[in-house]
PDB file of N, CA and C in Angstrom:
ATOM      1  N   MET A   1      17.397  11.485  -7.362  1.00  0.00           N
ATOM      2  CA  MET A   1      16.050  11.964  -7.510  1.00  0.00           C
ATOM      3  C   MET A   1      15.063  10.849  -7.163  1.00  0.00           C
ATOM      4  N   ARG A   2      14.078  11.178  -6.350  1.00  0.00           N
ATOM      5  CA  ARG A   2      13.069  10.189  -5.949  1.00  0.00           C
ATOM      6  C   ARG A   2      11.860  10.248  -6.877  1.00  0.00           C
ATOM      7  N   LEU A   3      11.094   9.166  -6.907  1.00  0.00           N
ATOM      8  CA  LEU A   3       9.864   9.103  -7.684  1.00  0.00           C
ATOM      9  C   LEU A   3       8.880  10.147  -7.183  1.00  0.00           C
ATOM     10  N   SER A   4       8.203  10.820  -8.091  1.00  0.00           N
ATOM     11  CA  SER A   4       7.165  11.760  -7.673  1.00  0.00           C
ATOM     12  C   SER A   4       5.807  11.077  -7.599  1.00  0.00           C
ATOM     13  N   ALA A   5       5.678   9.911  -8.216  1.00  0.00           N
ATOM     14  CA  ALA A   5       4.429   9.151  -8.152  1.00  0.00           C
ATOM     15  C   ALA A   5       4.266   8.552  -6.760  1.00  0.00           C
ATOM     16  N   PRO A   6       3.039   8.510  -6.253  1.00  0.00           N
ATOM     17  CA  PRO A   6       2.823   7.925  -4.932  1.00  0.00           C
ATOM     18  C   PRO A   6       3.041   6.413  -4.958  1.00  0.00           C
ATOM     19  N   VAL A   7       3.533   5.896  -3.852  1.00  0.00           N
ATOM     20  CA  VAL A   7       3.729   4.460  -3.682  1.00  0.00           C
ATOM     21  C   VAL A   7       2.760   3.994  -2.611  1.00  0.00           C
ATOM     22  N   ALA A   8       1.968   2.987  -2.938  1.00  0.00           N
ATOM     23  CA  ALA A   8       1.019   2.420  -1.984  1.00  0.00           C
ATOM     24  C   ALA A   8       1.522   1.054  -1.559  1.00  0.00           C
ATOM     25  N   VAL A   9       1.801   0.906  -0.279  1.00  0.00           N
ATOM     26  CA  VAL A   9       2.203  -0.372   0.280  1.00  0.00           C
ATOM     27  C   VAL A   9       0.932  -0.997   0.849  1.00  0.00           C
ATOM     28  N   VAL A  10       0.535  -2.149   0.296  1.00  0.00           N
ATOM     29  CA  VAL A  10      -0.715  -2.789   0.686  1.00  0.00           C
ATOM     30  C   VAL A  10      -0.406  -4.098   1.390  1.00  0.00           C
ATOM     31  N   VAL A  11      -0.901  -4.236   2.612  1.00  0.00           N
ATOM     32  CA  VAL A  11      -0.720  -5.465   3.388  1.00  0.00           C
ATOM     33  C   VAL A  11      -2.055  -5.890   3.976  1.00  0.00           C
ATOM     34  N   ARG A  12      -2.116  -7.126   4.398  1.00  0.00           N
ATOM     35  CA  ARG A  12      -3.296  -7.674   5.057  1.00  0.00           C
ATOM     36  C   ARG A  12      -3.042  -7.734   6.558  1.00  0.00           C
ATOM     37  N   ALA A  13      -4.024  -7.393   7.335  1.00  0.00           N
ATOM     38  CA  ALA A  13      -3.882  -7.387   8.797  1.00  0.00           C
ATOM     39  C   ALA A  13      -3.569  -8.769   9.342  1.00  0.00           C
ATOM     40  N   ASP A  14      -4.083  -9.811   8.684  1.00  0.00           N
ATOM     41  CA  ASP A  14      -3.897 -11.171   9.200  1.00  0.00           C
ATOM     42  C   ASP A  14      -2.857 -11.980   8.422  1.00  0.00           C
ATOM     43  N   ASP A  15      -1.974 -11.319   7.683  1.00  0.00           N
ATOM     44  CA  ASP A  15      -0.963 -12.003   6.890  1.00  0.00           C
ATOM     45  C   ASP A  15       0.379 -11.969   7.616  1.00  0.00           C
ATOM     46  N   PRO A  16       0.783 -13.086   8.215  1.00  0.00           N
ATOM     47  CA  PRO A  16       2.051 -13.083   8.959  1.00  0.00           C
ATOM     48  C   PRO A  16       3.273 -12.831   8.079  1.00  0.00           C
ATOM     49  N   SER A  17       3.158 -13.091   6.781  1.00  0.00           N
ATOM     50  CA  SER A  17       4.317 -12.884   5.906  1.00  0.00           C
ATOM     51  C   SER A  17       4.597 -11.407   5.637  1.00  0.00           C
ATOM     52  N   THR A  18       3.650 -10.520   5.964  1.00  0.00           N
ATOM     53  CA  THR A  18       3.885  -9.087   5.761  1.00  0.00           C
ATOM     54  C   THR A  18       3.924  -8.308   7.077  1.00  0.00           C
ATOM     55  N   ALA A  19       4.003  -9.000   8.191  1.00  0.00           N
ATOM     56  CA  ALA A  19       4.003  -8.332   9.495  1.00  0.00           C
ATOM     57  C   ALA A  19       5.138  -7.319   9.616  1.00  0.00           C
ATOM     58  N   GLU A  20       6.303  -7.642   9.112  1.00  0.00           N
ATOM     59  CA  GLU A  20       7.455  -6.741   9.200  1.00  0.00           C
ATOM     60  C   GLU A  20       7.271  -5.494   8.331  1.00  0.00           C
ATOM     61  N   VAL A  21       6.541  -5.630   7.249  1.00  0.00           N
ATOM     62  CA  VAL A  21       6.328  -4.510   6.324  1.00  0.00           C
ATOM     63  C   VAL A  21       5.617  -3.359   7.021  1.00  0.00           C
ATOM     64  N   ARG A  22       4.679  -3.676   7.890  1.00  0.00           N
ATOM     65  CA  ARG A  22       3.923  -2.628   8.578  1.00  0.00           C
ATOM     66  C   ARG A  22       4.845  -1.655   9.300  1.00  0.00           C
ATOM     67  N   GLY A  23       5.907  -2.141   9.861  1.00  0.00           N
ATOM     68  CA  GLY A  23       6.836  -1.283  10.567  1.00  0.00           C
ATOM     69  C   GLY A  23       7.897  -0.649   9.689  1.00  0.00           C
ATOM     70  N   ARG A  24       8.046  -1.159   8.477  1.00  0.00           N
ATOM     71  CA  ARG A  24       9.143  -0.695   7.626  1.00  0.00           C
ATOM     72  C   ARG A  24       8.675  -0.084   6.314  1.00  0.00           C
ATOM     73  N   HIS A  25       7.394   0.175   6.160  1.00  0.00           N
ATOM     74  CA  HIS A  25       6.904   0.686   4.873  1.00  0.00           C
ATOM     75  C   HIS A  25       7.505   2.040   4.522  1.00  0.00           C
ATOM     76  N   ARG A  26       7.894   2.814   5.510  1.00  0.00           N
ATOM     77  CA  ARG A  26       8.485   4.133   5.234  1.00  0.00           C
ATOM     78  C   ARG A  26       9.881   4.031   4.612  1.00  0.00           C
ATOM     79  N   ASP A  27      10.468   2.842   4.607  1.00  0.00           N
ATOM     80  CA  ASP A  27      11.752   2.655   3.918  1.00  0.00           C
ATOM     81  C   ASP A  27      11.649   3.032   2.444  1.00  0.00           C
ATOM     82  N   TRP A  28      10.438   2.927   1.875  1.00  0.00           N
ATOM     83  CA  TRP A  28      10.218   3.295   0.479  1.00  0.00           C
ATOM     84  C   TRP A  28      10.459   4.785   0.247  1.00  0.00           C
ATOM     85  N   GLN A  29      10.481   5.587   1.295  1.00  0.00           N
ATOM     86  CA  GLN A  29      10.724   7.019   1.120  1.00  0.00           C
ATOM     87  C   GLN A  29      12.138   7.307   0.630  1.00  0.00           C
ATOM     88  N   LEU A  30      12.988   6.321   0.662  1.00  0.00           N
ATOM     89  CA  LEU A  30      14.304   6.480   0.043  1.00  0.00           C
ATOM     90  C   LEU A  30      14.171   6.603  -1.472  1.00  0.00           C
ATOM     91  N   LEU A  31      13.093   6.025  -2.029  1.00  0.00           N
ATOM     92  CA  LEU A  31      12.895   5.999  -3.473  1.00  0.00           C
ATOM     93  C   LEU A  31      11.730   6.837  -3.968  1.00  0.00           C
ATOM     94  N   ALA A  32      10.795   7.167  -3.086  1.00  0.00           N
ATOM     95  CA  ALA A  32       9.592   7.884  -3.507  1.00  0.00           C
ATOM     96  C   ALA A  32       9.270   8.990  -2.509  1.00  0.00           C
ATOM     97  N   GLU A  33       8.723  10.080  -3.022  1.00  0.00           N
ATOM     98  CA  GLU A  33       8.387  11.225  -2.175  1.00  0.00           C
ATOM     99  C   GLU A  33       7.165  10.984  -1.296  1.00  0.00           C
ATOM    100  N   HIS A  34       6.201  10.223  -1.805  1.00  0.00           N
ATOM    101  CA  HIS A  34       4.949  10.022  -1.078  1.00  0.00           C
ATOM    102  C   HIS A  34       4.677   8.525  -0.933  1.00  0.00           C
ATOM    103  N   VAL A  35       4.654   8.037   0.305  1.00  0.00           N
ATOM    104  CA  VAL A  35       4.438   6.621   0.586  1.00  0.00           C
ATOM    105  C   VAL A  35       3.306   6.489   1.593  1.00  0.00           C
ATOM    106  N   ASP A  36       2.332   5.639   1.259  1.00  0.00           N
ATOM    107  CA  ASP A  36       1.213   5.378   2.164  1.00  0.00           C
ATOM    108  C   ASP A  36       1.101   3.887   2.428  1.00  0.00           C
ATOM    109  N   LEU A  37       0.753   3.554   3.650  1.00  0.00           N
ATOM    110  CA  LEU A  37       0.487   2.171   4.031  1.00  0.00           C
ATOM    111  C   LEU A  37      -1.018   1.958   4.027  1.00  0.00           C
ATOM    112  N   HIS A  38      -1.458   0.916   3.341  1.00  0.00           N
ATOM    113  CA  HIS A  38      -2.866   0.527   3.323  1.00  0.00           C
ATOM    114  C   HIS A  38      -2.953  -0.870   3.905  1.00  0.00           C
ATOM    115  N   GLU A  39      -3.616  -0.992   5.032  1.00  0.00           N
ATOM    116  CA  GLU A  39      -3.765  -2.289   5.680  1.00  0.00           C
ATOM    117  C   GLU A  39      -5.213  -2.742   5.521  1.00  0.00           C
ATOM    118  N   LEU A  40      -5.410  -3.822   4.758  1.00  0.00           N
ATOM    119  CA  LEU A  40      -6.735  -4.363   4.530  1.00  0.00           C
ATOM    120  C   LEU A  40      -7.062  -5.359   5.637  1.00  0.00           C
ATOM    121  N   ALA A  41      -8.317  -5.448   5.971  1.00  0.00           N
ATOM    122  CA  ALA A  41      -8.771  -6.122   7.188  1.00  0.00           C
ATOM    123  C   ALA A  41      -8.364  -7.584   7.346  1.00  0.00           C
ATOM    124  N   ASP A  42      -8.701  -8.433   6.410  1.00  0.00           N
ATOM    125  CA  ASP A  42      -8.460  -9.860   6.625  1.00  0.00           C
ATOM    126  C   ASP A  42      -8.470 -10.609   5.303  1.00  0.00           C
ATOM    127  N   ARG A  43      -8.435 -11.896   5.412  1.00  0.00           N
ATOM    128  CA  ARG A  43      -8.471 -12.856   4.295  1.00  0.00           C
ATOM    129  C   ARG A  43      -7.114 -13.086   3.648  1.00  0.00           C
ATOM    130  N   GLY A  44      -6.073 -13.033   4.426  1.00  0.00           N
ATOM    131  CA  GLY A  44      -4.784 -13.551   4.007  1.00  0.00           C
ATOM    132  C   GLY A  44      -3.979 -12.777   2.992  1.00  0.00           C
ATOM    133  N   HIS A  45      -3.076 -13.488   2.362  1.00  0.00           N
ATOM    134  CA  HIS A  45      -2.014 -12.895   1.555  1.00  0.00           C
ATOM    135  C   HIS A  45      -2.473 -12.391   0.184  1.00  0.00           C
ATOM    136  N   ASP A  46      -3.343 -13.080  -0.496  1.00  0.00           N
ATOM    137  CA  ASP A  46      -3.685 -12.761  -1.884  1.00  0.00           C
ATOM    138  C   ASP A  46      -4.904 -11.843  -1.952  1.00  0.00           C
ATOM    139  N   SER A  47      -4.716 -10.563  -1.649  1.00  0.00           N
ATOM    140  CA  SER A  47      -5.844  -9.631  -1.569  1.00  0.00           C
ATOM    141  C   SER A  47      -6.488  -9.352  -2.919  1.00  0.00           C
ATOM    142  N   VAL A  48      -5.755  -9.481  -3.998  1.00  0.00           N
ATOM    143  CA  VAL A  48      -6.343  -9.253  -5.314  1.00  0.00           C
ATOM    144  C   VAL A  48      -7.404 -10.318  -5.596  1.00  0.00           C
ATOM    145  N   ARG A  49      -7.188 -11.514  -5.119  1.00  0.00           N
ATOM    146  CA  ARG A  49      -8.140 -12.602  -5.337  1.00  0.00           C
ATOM    147  C   ARG A  49      -9.228 -12.628  -4.269  1.00  0.00           C
ATOM    148  N   THR A  50      -8.861 -12.402  -3.005  1.00  0.00           N
ATOM    149  CA  THR A  50      -9.832 -12.547  -1.915  1.00  0.00           C
ATOM    150  C   THR A  50     -10.628 -11.280  -1.623  1.00  0.00           C
ATOM    151  N   ARG A  51     -10.092 -10.128  -1.919  1.00  0.00           N
ATOM    152  CA  ARG A  51     -10.767  -8.839  -1.707  1.00  0.00           C
ATOM    153  C   ARG A  51     -10.515  -7.919  -2.889  1.00  0.00           C
ATOM    154  N   PRO A  52     -10.974  -8.286  -4.084  1.00  0.00           N
ATOM    155  CA  PRO A  52     -10.631  -7.507  -5.280  1.00  0.00           C
ATOM    156  C   PRO A  52     -11.125  -6.062  -5.231  1.00  0.00           C
ATOM    157  N   ALA A  53     -12.292  -5.815  -4.680  1.00  0.00           N
ATOM    158  CA  ALA A  53     -12.817  -4.442  -4.647  1.00  0.00           C
ATOM    159  C   ALA A  53     -11.948  -3.547  -3.767  1.00  0.00           C
ATOM    160  N   GLU A  54     -11.522  -4.059  -2.621  1.00  0.00           N
ATOM    161  CA  GLU A  54     -10.663  -3.269  -1.730  1.00  0.00           C
ATOM    162  C   GLU A  54      -9.296  -3.022  -2.356  1.00  0.00           C
ATOM    163  N   ALA A  55      -8.729  -4.042  -2.965  1.00  0.00           N
ATOM    164  CA  ALA A  55      -7.423  -3.885  -3.612  1.00  0.00           C
ATOM    165  C   ALA A  55      -7.512  -2.879  -4.756  1.00  0.00           C
ATOM    166  N   ALA A  56      -8.584  -2.951  -5.528  1.00  0.00           N
ATOM    167  CA  ALA A  56      -8.770  -2.008  -6.632  1.00  0.00           C
ATOM    168  C   ALA A  56      -8.923  -0.585  -6.120  1.00  0.00           C
ATOM    169  N   GLN A  57      -9.592  -0.412  -4.993  1.00  0.00           N
ATOM    170  CA  GLN A  57      -9.797   0.930  -4.444  1.00  0.00           C
ATOM    171  C   GLN A  57      -8.470   1.594  -4.083  1.00  0.00           C
ATOM    172  N   VAL A  58      -7.516   0.826  -3.604  1.00  0.00           N
ATOM    173  CA  VAL A  58      -6.190   1.371  -3.298  1.00  0.00           C
ATOM    174  C   VAL A  58      -5.548   1.906  -4.568  1.00  0.00           C
ATOM    175  N   VAL A  59      -5.625   1.134  -5.646  1.00  0.00           N
ATOM    176  CA  VAL A  59      -5.037   1.564  -6.923  1.00  0.00           C
ATOM    177  C   VAL A  59      -5.768   2.787  -7.462  1.00  0.00           C
ATOM    178  N   LEU A  60      -7.085   2.761  -7.391  1.00  0.00           N
ATOM    179  CA  LEU A  60      -7.873   3.868  -7.931  1.00  0.00           C
ATOM    180  C   LEU A  60      -7.691   5.160  -7.144  1.00  0.00           C
ATOM    181  N   SER A  61      -7.282   5.071  -5.893  1.00  0.00           N
ATOM    182  CA  SER A  61      -7.082   6.271  -5.083  1.00  0.00           C
ATOM    183  C   SER A  61      -5.729   6.928  -5.338  1.00  0.00           C
ATOM    184  N   ALA A  62      -4.851   6.292  -6.085  1.00  0.00           N
ATOM    185  CA  ALA A  62      -3.510   6.836  -6.341  1.00  0.00           C
ATOM    186  C   ALA A  62      -3.538   8.225  -6.960  1.00  0.00           C
ATOM    187  N   PRO A  63      -4.386   8.517  -7.949  1.00  0.00           N
ATOM    188  CA  PRO A  63      -4.404   9.886  -8.491  1.00  0.00           C
ATOM    189  C   PRO A  63      -4.769  10.926  -7.434  1.00  0.00           C
ATOM    190  N   ASN A  64      -5.638  10.584  -6.496  1.00  0.00           N
ATOM    191  CA  ASN A  64      -5.993  11.496  -5.411  1.00  0.00           C
ATOM    192  C   ASN A  64      -4.808  11.749  -4.499  1.00  0.00           C
ATOM    193  N   LEU A  65      -4.012  10.724  -4.263  1.00  0.00           N
ATOM    194  CA  LEU A  65      -2.824  10.902  -3.430  1.00  0.00           C
ATOM    195  C   LEU A  65      -1.841  11.852  -4.095  1.00  0.00           C
ATOM    196  N   LEU A  66      -1.656  11.712  -5.382  1.00  0.00           N
ATOM    197  CA  LEU A  66      -0.722  12.570  -6.125  1.00  0.00           C
ATOM    198  C   LEU A  66      -1.213  14.016  -6.143  1.00  0.00           C
ATOM    199  N   ALA A  67      -2.511  14.216  -6.291  1.00  0.00           N
ATOM    200  CA  ALA A  67      -3.075  15.560  -6.332  1.00  0.00           C
ATOM    201  C   ALA A  67      -2.940  16.263  -4.994  1.00  0.00           C
ATOM    202  N   SER A  68      -2.906  15.508  -3.900  1.00  0.00           N
ATOM    203  CA  SER A  68      -2.839  16.121  -2.579  1.00  0.00           C
ATOM    204  C   SER A  68      -1.417  16.448  -2.137  1.00  0.00           C
ATOM    205  N   THR A  69      -0.417  16.053  -2.946  1.00  0.00           N
ATOM    206  CA  THR A  69       0.960  16.340  -2.551  1.00  0.00           C
ATOM    207  C   THR A  69       1.466  17.615  -3.161  1.00  0.00           C
TER     208      THR A  69
END
């Protein structure tokens, strides 16, 4: 049985350490029914610190993702 809660994969466009994730984020569908990729514009790896409002918006949008499935 897979998770019914949505999974949000969040990466930064300019973060070389997550470059592979962009192509493989759908691998999470093995564990969850609904998987979305959120790519934030810039400012490196630590998006919670460098772009807190954008990172928070991804989390806050999770209930909307669940309602739409």
